[in-house]
Amino acid sequence: MLTLNYFARYRETLNCDQEQLPWSAELNSVVAVRDLLLARGEAWQVLAEPRLMCARNQELCGLDEPLADGDEVAFFPPVTGG
């Protein structure tokens, strides 16, 4: 099982803060999970942003990060300060 967390405006846009996906060999990277989510339709296109930030097991990572059964993946928009 993979646990997915959505933060900030992603959570608001998707009206979802967390979900679980059954583990499969096809979901072997963060980009594979993101592609599956993008296929859900219009609202999910927010995850196609070029500066999308992600984490695996609470550590920042790139989209090419490999995944294993039991991992937690988080998606969040870029953080800005002022």
Protein backbone atom coordinates (compact mmCIF):
# COMPACT_ATOMS: atom_id res chain seq x y z
CA MET A 1 0.00 0.00 0.00
CA LEU A 2 1.17 3.54 -0.78
CA THR A 3 0.00 6.47 1.32
CA LEU A 4 -0.36 9.74 -0.59
CA ASN A 5 -0.54 13.13 1.12
CA TYR A 6 -1.52 16.41 -0.51
CA PHE A 7 -0.64 19.76 1.04
CA ALA A 8 -1.57 23.45 0.78
CA ARG A 9 -3.43 24.43 -2.41
CA TYR A 10 -3.14 20.89 -3.79
CA ARG A 11 -5.20 19.66 -0.85
CA GLU A 12 -7.72 22.45 -1.46
CA THR A 13 -7.92 21.94 -5.25
CA LEU A 14 -8.29 18.17 -4.95
CA ASN A 15 -10.53 18.31 -1.88
CA CYS A 16 -8.39 15.50 -0.48
CA ASP A 17 -5.60 15.49 2.05
CA GLN A 18 -4.69 11.80 2.07
CA GLU A 19 -5.46 8.56 0.26
CA GLN A 20 -4.05 5.10 -0.12
CA LEU A 21 -3.29 3.24 -3.32
CA PRO A 22 -2.72 -0.48 -3.57
CA TRP A 23 0.93 -1.23 -4.29
CA SER A 24 1.77 -2.57 -7.73
CA ALA A 25 4.99 -2.98 -9.69
CA GLU A 26 3.80 -0.27 -12.11
CA LEU A 27 3.89 2.29 -9.28
CA ASN A 28 7.64 1.96 -8.86
CA SER A 29 8.46 5.70 -8.83
CA VAL A 30 6.98 9.01 -7.79
CA VAL A 31 6.50 9.98 -11.45
CA ALA A 32 4.52 6.77 -12.08
CA VAL A 33 2.19 7.66 -9.20
CA ARG A 34 1.86 11.24 -10.45
CA ASP A 35 1.05 10.01 -13.98
CA LEU A 36 -1.67 7.74 -12.58
CA LEU A 37 -3.14 10.70 -10.68
CA LEU A 38 -2.98 13.00 -13.73
CA ALA A 39 -5.05 10.46 -15.65
CA ARG A 40 -7.92 11.11 -13.23
CA GLY A 41 -8.81 14.31 -15.04
CA GLU A 42 -9.01 18.06 -14.85
CA ALA A 43 -8.54 18.93 -11.16
CA TRP A 44 -5.61 16.54 -10.93
CA GLN A 45 -3.69 18.51 -13.58
CA VAL A 46 -2.53 20.75 -10.73
CA LEU A 47 0.08 18.03 -10.10
CA ALA A 48 1.56 18.66 -13.56
CA GLU A 49 3.12 21.94 -12.43
CA PRO A 50 6.77 22.11 -13.43
CA ARG A 51 7.90 23.11 -9.93
CA LEU A 52 5.92 20.42 -8.09
CA MET A 53 7.65 19.38 -4.89
CA CYS A 54 7.47 15.86 -3.55
CA ALA A 55 8.76 13.77 -0.68
CA ARG A 56 9.17 10.07 -0.04
CA ASN A 57 8.92 8.98 3.57
CA GLN A 58 9.18 12.61 4.72
CA GLU A 59 12.38 13.38 2.78
CA LEU A 60 12.40 15.68 -0.25
CA CYS A 61 12.96 13.82 -3.49
CA GLY A 62 12.68 14.11 -7.25
CA LEU A 63 10.03 12.60 -9.45
CA ASP A 64 12.45 9.83 -10.40
CA GLU A 65 12.59 8.58 -6.79
CA PRO A 66 11.92 4.83 -6.62
CA LEU A 67 9.06 3.59 -4.45
CA ALA A 68 8.40 0.42 -2.51
CA ASP A 69 5.35 -1.07 -0.86
CA GLY A 70 4.58 0.82 2.36
CA ASP A 71 6.07 4.15 1.26
CA GLU A 72 4.49 7.50 1.96
CA VAL A 73 4.51 10.09 -0.85
CA ALA A 74 3.69 13.77 -0.37
CA PHE A 75 2.97 16.39 -3.01
CA PHE A 76 3.16 20.09 -2.23
CA PRO A 77 3.57 23.35 -4.13
CA PRO A 78 6.83 25.30 -4.05
CA VAL A 79 7.33 27.19 -0.83
CA THR A 80 7.97 30.91 -1.06
CA GLY A 81 8.98 33.32 1.62
CA GLY A 82 8.85 36.99 2.09
